[in-house]
């Protein structure tokens, strides 16, 4: 799991040149589902590896294009795996597709951050 790794220490210059993305996690507290958004950075500071993205979304990935050159990286099997509804992820995806329905944790990033 990506969250169990020890992050590498970066120099101040490396930190200034890093690109950030957002992890939109789903939380269920007392039967209420909501999203928690946190900033994340690729290990190399520029673009995510397949393994990093799979760790964030908990499995195989699918790319959902949204306006302004951004993408959502979602778990490809979110329906099969019964992942919880992600209200923020769904709202973002509906900017491109009004019928979109997103479940589970998602990564929001600029498209160039995924090679």
N, C-alpha and C. Protein backbone atom coordinates (compact mmCIF):
# COMPACT_ATOMS: atom_id res chain seq x y z
N UNK A 1 0.85 -1.18 0.00
CA UNK A 1 0.00 0.00 0.00
C UNK A 1 0.88 1.23 0.00
N UNK A 2 0.53 2.18 -0.82
CA UNK A 2 1.33 3.40 -0.99
C UNK A 2 1.46 4.20 0.29
N UNK A 3 0.47 4.12 1.18
CA UNK A 3 0.48 4.92 2.40
C UNK A 3 1.47 4.40 3.44
N UNK A 4 1.96 3.19 3.26
CA UNK A 4 2.88 2.60 4.22
C UNK A 4 4.33 2.84 3.87
N UNK A 5 4.60 3.49 2.75
CA UNK A 5 5.97 3.73 2.33
C UNK A 5 6.54 4.94 3.04
N UNK A 6 7.83 4.91 3.30
CA UNK A 6 8.50 6.08 3.86
C UNK A 6 8.86 7.02 2.72
N UNK A 7 8.36 8.26 2.77
CA UNK A 7 8.68 9.17 1.68
C UNK A 7 10.15 9.54 1.66
N UNK A 8 10.69 9.70 0.47
CA UNK A 8 12.09 10.10 0.33
C UNK A 8 12.19 11.58 0.68
N UNK A 9 13.26 11.94 1.35
CA UNK A 9 13.51 13.34 1.69
C UNK A 9 13.96 14.07 0.44
N UNK A 10 13.32 15.22 0.17
CA UNK A 10 13.67 16.00 -1.01
C UNK A 10 14.37 17.28 -0.60
N UNK A 11 15.23 17.75 -1.48
CA UNK A 11 15.87 19.03 -1.24
C UNK A 11 14.84 20.14 -1.44
N UNK A 12 15.15 21.34 -0.98
CA UNK A 12 14.24 22.48 -1.13
C UNK A 12 13.94 22.74 -2.60
N UNK A 13 14.96 22.64 -3.45
CA UNK A 13 14.77 22.85 -4.89
C UNK A 13 13.84 21.80 -5.48
N UNK A 14 14.02 20.54 -5.09
CA UNK A 14 13.14 19.48 -5.57
C UNK A 14 11.70 19.73 -5.12
N UNK A 15 11.52 20.17 -3.89
CA UNK A 15 10.18 20.45 -3.38
C UNK A 15 9.51 21.57 -4.18
N UNK A 16 10.26 22.59 -4.54
CA UNK A 16 9.69 23.72 -5.29
C UNK A 16 9.28 23.31 -6.70
N UNK A 17 9.94 22.31 -7.27
CA UNK A 17 9.64 21.86 -8.63
C UNK A 17 8.65 20.71 -8.69
N UNK A 18 8.15 20.26 -7.55
CA UNK A 18 7.22 19.15 -7.51
C UNK A 18 5.84 19.56 -7.99
N UNK A 19 5.20 18.64 -8.65
CA UNK A 19 3.82 18.82 -9.04
C UNK A 19 2.94 18.13 -8.00
N UNK A 20 1.80 18.72 -7.71
CA UNK A 20 0.90 18.10 -6.75
C UNK A 20 -0.41 17.69 -7.42
N UNK A 21 -1.04 16.74 -6.81
CA UNK A 21 -2.34 16.25 -7.24
C UNK A 21 -3.19 16.13 -5.97
N UNK A 22 -4.43 15.71 -6.14
CA UNK A 22 -5.29 15.53 -4.98
C UNK A 22 -5.80 14.10 -4.95
N UNK A 23 -5.73 13.52 -3.76
CA UNK A 23 -6.35 12.23 -3.51
C UNK A 23 -7.70 12.54 -2.87
N UNK A 24 -8.76 12.05 -3.48
CA UNK A 24 -10.11 12.26 -2.95
C UNK A 24 -10.57 10.93 -2.39
N UNK A 25 -10.44 10.81 -1.07
CA UNK A 25 -10.77 9.56 -0.38
C UNK A 25 -12.22 9.58 0.10
N UNK A 26 -12.81 8.41 0.18
CA UNK A 26 -14.18 8.26 0.69
C UNK A 26 -14.10 7.81 2.14
N UNK A 27 -14.83 8.51 2.99
CA UNK A 27 -14.90 8.16 4.41
C UNK A 27 -16.36 7.86 4.76
N UNK A 28 -16.54 6.86 5.60
CA UNK A 28 -17.88 6.53 6.10
C UNK A 28 -17.84 6.66 7.61
N UNK A 29 -18.53 7.66 8.12
CA UNK A 29 -18.56 7.91 9.55
C UNK A 29 -20.01 7.92 10.02
N UNK A 30 -20.33 6.97 10.87
CA UNK A 30 -21.68 6.90 11.41
C UNK A 30 -22.75 6.76 10.35
N UNK A 31 -22.44 6.08 9.26
CA UNK A 31 -23.40 5.88 8.19
C UNK A 31 -23.45 7.00 7.18
N UNK A 32 -22.71 8.07 7.42
CA UNK A 32 -22.65 9.18 6.46
C UNK A 32 -21.38 9.06 5.62
N UNK A 33 -21.53 9.18 4.31
CA UNK A 33 -20.39 9.09 3.40
C UNK A 33 -20.00 10.50 2.96
N UNK A 34 -18.71 10.79 3.05
CA UNK A 34 -18.21 12.07 2.57
C UNK A 34 -16.81 11.88 2.03
N UNK A 35 -16.32 12.90 1.34
CA UNK A 35 -15.00 12.84 0.73
C UNK A 35 -14.00 13.67 1.52
N UNK A 36 -12.78 13.16 1.60
CA UNK A 36 -11.67 13.87 2.23
C UNK A 36 -10.64 14.11 1.14
N UNK A 37 -10.19 15.34 1.00
CA UNK A 37 -9.25 15.69 -0.07
C UNK A 37 -7.90 16.02 0.54
N UNK A 38 -6.86 15.38 0.02
CA UNK A 38 -5.50 15.67 0.50
C UNK A 38 -4.55 15.78 -0.68
N UNK A 39 -3.55 16.65 -0.53
CA UNK A 39 -2.54 16.80 -1.57
C UNK A 39 -1.58 15.62 -1.56
N UNK A 40 -1.22 15.17 -2.75
CA UNK A 40 -0.24 14.10 -2.91
C UNK A 40 0.77 14.53 -3.98
N UNK A 41 1.94 13.95 -3.93
CA UNK A 41 3.01 14.25 -4.87
C UNK A 41 3.60 12.93 -5.38
N UNK A 42 3.86 12.81 -6.67
CA UNK A 42 4.52 11.60 -7.17
C UNK A 42 5.88 11.41 -6.51
N UNK A 43 6.30 10.18 -6.39
CA UNK A 43 7.61 9.90 -5.77
C UNK A 43 8.74 10.65 -6.45
N UNK A 44 8.67 10.79 -7.79
CA UNK A 44 9.75 11.49 -8.50
C UNK A 44 9.49 12.99 -8.62
N UNK A 45 8.36 13.45 -8.07
CA UNK A 45 8.05 14.87 -8.07
C UNK A 45 7.38 15.39 -9.34
N UNK A 46 7.28 14.55 -10.38
CA UNK A 46 6.76 15.02 -11.66
C UNK A 46 5.56 14.23 -12.19
N UNK A 47 5.69 12.90 -12.22
CA UNK A 47 4.60 12.08 -12.75
C UNK A 47 4.50 10.77 -11.98
N UNK A 48 3.28 10.24 -11.95
CA UNK A 48 3.00 9.03 -11.19
C UNK A 48 3.34 7.77 -11.98
N UNK A 49 3.81 6.75 -11.28
CA UNK A 49 3.97 5.43 -11.88
C UNK A 49 2.64 4.70 -11.78
N UNK A 50 2.49 3.66 -12.57
CA UNK A 50 1.30 2.84 -12.51
C UNK A 50 1.10 2.30 -11.09
N UNK A 51 2.18 1.84 -10.49
CA UNK A 51 2.11 1.26 -9.15
C UNK A 51 1.64 2.28 -8.12
N UNK A 52 2.12 3.52 -8.23
CA UNK A 52 1.66 4.57 -7.30
C UNK A 52 0.16 4.77 -7.43
N UNK A 53 -0.31 4.91 -8.67
CA UNK A 53 -1.73 5.15 -8.88
C UNK A 53 -2.58 3.97 -8.42
N UNK A 54 -2.13 2.75 -8.68
CA UNK A 54 -2.86 1.57 -8.23
C UNK A 54 -2.94 1.54 -6.70
N UNK A 55 -1.88 1.98 -6.05
CA UNK A 55 -1.88 2.03 -4.60
C UNK A 55 -2.89 3.03 -4.06
N UNK A 56 -2.99 4.17 -4.71
CA UNK A 56 -3.94 5.19 -4.26
C UNK A 56 -5.39 4.78 -4.46
N UNK A 57 -5.70 4.13 -5.60
CA UNK A 57 -7.10 3.78 -5.87
C UNK A 57 -7.44 2.35 -5.46
N UNK A 58 -6.46 1.59 -5.04
CA UNK A 58 -6.72 0.24 -4.53
C UNK A 58 -6.98 -0.81 -5.58
N UNK A 59 -6.35 -0.70 -6.74
CA UNK A 59 -6.52 -1.73 -7.76
C UNK A 59 -6.21 -1.21 -9.15
N UNK A 60 -6.77 -1.91 -10.14
CA UNK A 60 -6.58 -1.53 -11.55
C UNK A 60 -7.12 -0.12 -11.76
N UNK A 61 -6.47 0.62 -12.66
CA UNK A 61 -6.88 2.02 -12.86
C UNK A 61 -7.64 2.23 -14.16
N UNK A 62 -8.47 3.26 -14.15
CA UNK A 62 -9.13 3.75 -15.35
C UNK A 62 -9.00 5.26 -15.32
N UNK A 63 -8.78 5.86 -16.47
CA UNK A 63 -8.63 7.30 -16.59
C UNK A 63 -9.96 7.91 -17.05
N UNK A 64 -10.41 8.92 -16.32
CA UNK A 64 -11.63 9.65 -16.69
C UNK A 64 -11.19 11.08 -17.00
N UNK A 65 -11.36 11.49 -18.26
CA UNK A 65 -10.96 12.84 -18.65
C UNK A 65 -12.02 13.84 -18.23
N UNK A 66 -11.56 14.95 -17.66
CA UNK A 66 -12.44 16.04 -17.28
C UNK A 66 -11.90 17.33 -17.91
N UNK A 67 -12.67 18.40 -17.92
CA UNK A 67 -12.21 19.63 -18.59
C UNK A 67 -10.91 20.21 -18.01
N UNK A 68 -10.33 21.12 -18.78
CA UNK A 68 -9.15 21.89 -18.40
C UNK A 68 -7.87 21.06 -18.30
N UNK A 69 -7.77 19.96 -19.04
CA UNK A 69 -6.54 19.17 -19.06
C UNK A 69 -6.30 18.34 -17.83
N UNK A 70 -7.33 18.11 -17.04
CA UNK A 70 -7.19 17.29 -15.85
C UNK A 70 -7.85 15.93 -16.07
N UNK A 71 -7.46 15.01 -15.24
CA UNK A 71 -8.04 13.66 -15.28
C UNK A 71 -8.34 13.19 -13.87
N UNK A 72 -9.24 12.23 -13.80
CA UNK A 72 -9.47 11.48 -12.57
C UNK A 72 -8.93 10.08 -12.82
N UNK A 73 -8.20 9.56 -11.87
CA UNK A 73 -7.75 8.17 -11.92
C UNK A 73 -8.60 7.42 -10.92
N UNK A 74 -9.37 6.45 -11.42
CA UNK A 74 -10.31 5.72 -10.57
C UNK A 74 -9.99 4.23 -10.60
N UNK A 75 -10.56 3.51 -9.66
CA UNK A 75 -10.45 2.05 -9.65
C UNK A 75 -11.36 1.53 -10.75
N UNK A 76 -10.77 0.82 -11.71
CA UNK A 76 -11.51 0.31 -12.86
C UNK A 76 -12.65 -0.61 -12.45
N UNK A 77 -12.51 -1.30 -11.34
CA UNK A 77 -13.51 -2.28 -10.90
C UNK A 77 -14.30 -1.80 -9.69
N UNK A 78 -14.55 -0.48 -9.61
CA UNK A 78 -15.21 0.05 -8.43
C UNK A 78 -16.60 -0.52 -8.21
N UNK A 79 -17.34 -0.80 -9.28
CA UNK A 79 -18.68 -1.37 -9.12
C UNK A 79 -18.60 -2.84 -8.70
N UNK A 80 -17.73 -3.58 -9.36
CA UNK A 80 -17.56 -5.01 -9.04
C UNK A 80 -17.11 -5.18 -7.59
N UNK A 81 -16.22 -4.30 -7.13
CA UNK A 81 -15.67 -4.41 -5.77
C UNK A 81 -16.56 -3.79 -4.71
N UNK A 82 -17.68 -3.19 -5.12
CA UNK A 82 -18.60 -2.61 -4.15
C UNK A 82 -18.03 -1.43 -3.38
N UNK A 83 -17.18 -0.63 -4.04
CA UNK A 83 -16.58 0.53 -3.36
C UNK A 83 -17.64 1.58 -3.10
N UNK A 84 -17.47 2.36 -2.04
CA UNK A 84 -18.48 3.36 -1.68
C UNK A 84 -18.52 4.54 -2.65
N UNK A 85 -19.70 5.11 -2.81
CA UNK A 85 -19.94 6.27 -3.65
C UNK A 85 -19.01 7.41 -3.25
N UNK A 86 -18.41 8.07 -4.26
CA UNK A 86 -17.54 9.22 -4.02
C UNK A 86 -18.25 10.46 -4.56
N UNK A 87 -18.87 11.26 -3.67
CA UNK A 87 -19.63 12.41 -4.15
C UNK A 87 -18.81 13.47 -4.87
N UNK A 88 -17.61 13.75 -4.39
CA UNK A 88 -16.77 14.76 -5.05
C UNK A 88 -16.25 14.23 -6.38
N UNK A 89 -15.78 13.00 -6.41
CA UNK A 89 -15.32 12.39 -7.66
C UNK A 89 -16.41 12.36 -8.71
N UNK A 90 -17.63 12.03 -8.29
CA UNK A 90 -18.76 11.99 -9.21
C UNK A 90 -19.06 13.39 -9.74
N UNK A 91 -19.07 14.37 -8.87
CA UNK A 91 -19.34 15.75 -9.29
C UNK A 91 -18.32 16.22 -10.32
N UNK A 92 -17.05 15.92 -10.10
CA UNK A 92 -16.00 16.30 -11.06
C UNK A 92 -16.18 15.58 -12.39
N UNK A 93 -16.47 14.29 -12.34
CA UNK A 93 -16.63 13.51 -13.56
C UNK A 93 -17.84 13.97 -14.38
N UNK A 94 -18.86 14.46 -13.70
CA UNK A 94 -20.07 14.91 -14.39
C UNK A 94 -19.84 16.19 -15.19
N UNK A 95 -18.72 16.86 -14.98
CA UNK A 95 -18.39 18.02 -15.81
C UNK A 95 -18.18 17.58 -17.26
N UNK A 96 -17.77 16.33 -17.45
CA UNK A 96 -17.54 15.79 -18.80
C UNK A 96 -18.66 14.85 -19.23
N UNK A 97 -19.29 14.19 -18.27
CA UNK A 97 -20.34 13.21 -18.57
C UNK A 97 -21.42 13.30 -17.50
N UNK A 98 -22.57 13.87 -17.83
CA UNK A 98 -23.62 14.08 -16.83
C UNK A 98 -24.14 12.80 -16.17
N UNK A 99 -23.85 11.65 -16.77
CA UNK A 99 -24.31 10.39 -16.20
C UNK A 99 -23.23 9.66 -15.41
N UNK A 100 -22.09 10.26 -15.22
CA UNK A 100 -20.97 9.60 -14.53
C UNK A 100 -21.33 9.28 -13.08
N UNK A 101 -20.77 8.19 -12.62
CA UNK A 101 -20.98 7.73 -11.24
C UNK A 101 -19.66 7.14 -10.78
N UNK A 102 -19.02 7.75 -9.80
CA UNK A 102 -17.69 7.33 -9.35
C UNK A 102 -17.76 6.80 -7.92
N UNK A 103 -17.08 5.70 -7.71
CA UNK A 103 -17.00 5.10 -6.37
C UNK A 103 -15.55 4.87 -6.01
N UNK A 104 -15.26 4.86 -4.72
CA UNK A 104 -13.92 4.60 -4.23
C UNK A 104 -13.04 5.83 -4.29
N UNK A 105 -11.80 5.66 -3.86
CA UNK A 105 -10.83 6.75 -3.83
C UNK A 105 -10.39 7.08 -5.25
N UNK A 106 -10.16 8.37 -5.52
CA UNK A 106 -9.72 8.80 -6.85
C UNK A 106 -8.56 9.78 -6.72
N UNK A 107 -7.76 9.85 -7.78
CA UNK A 107 -6.69 10.83 -7.87
C UNK A 107 -7.09 11.85 -8.92
N UNK A 108 -7.05 13.12 -8.55
CA UNK A 108 -7.29 14.23 -9.48
C UNK A 108 -5.95 14.86 -9.78
N UNK A 109 -5.59 14.92 -11.07
CA UNK A 109 -4.30 15.51 -11.43
C UNK A 109 -4.32 16.02 -12.86
N UNK A 110 -3.29 16.77 -13.21
CA UNK A 110 -3.11 17.20 -14.58
C UNK A 110 -2.78 15.98 -15.43
N UNK A 111 -3.27 15.96 -16.65
CA UNK A 111 -3.07 14.77 -17.50
C UNK A 111 -1.60 14.45 -17.72
N UNK A 112 -0.72 15.46 -17.74
CA UNK A 112 0.70 15.17 -17.98
C UNK A 112 1.38 14.50 -16.79
N UNK A 113 0.69 14.37 -15.67
CA UNK A 113 1.26 13.70 -14.51
C UNK A 113 1.11 12.18 -14.59
N UNK A 114 0.44 11.69 -15.63
CA UNK A 114 0.28 10.25 -15.84
C UNK A 114 0.83 9.93 -17.21
N UNK A 115 1.90 9.13 -17.25
CA UNK A 115 2.56 8.77 -18.51
C UNK A 115 2.08 7.42 -19.01
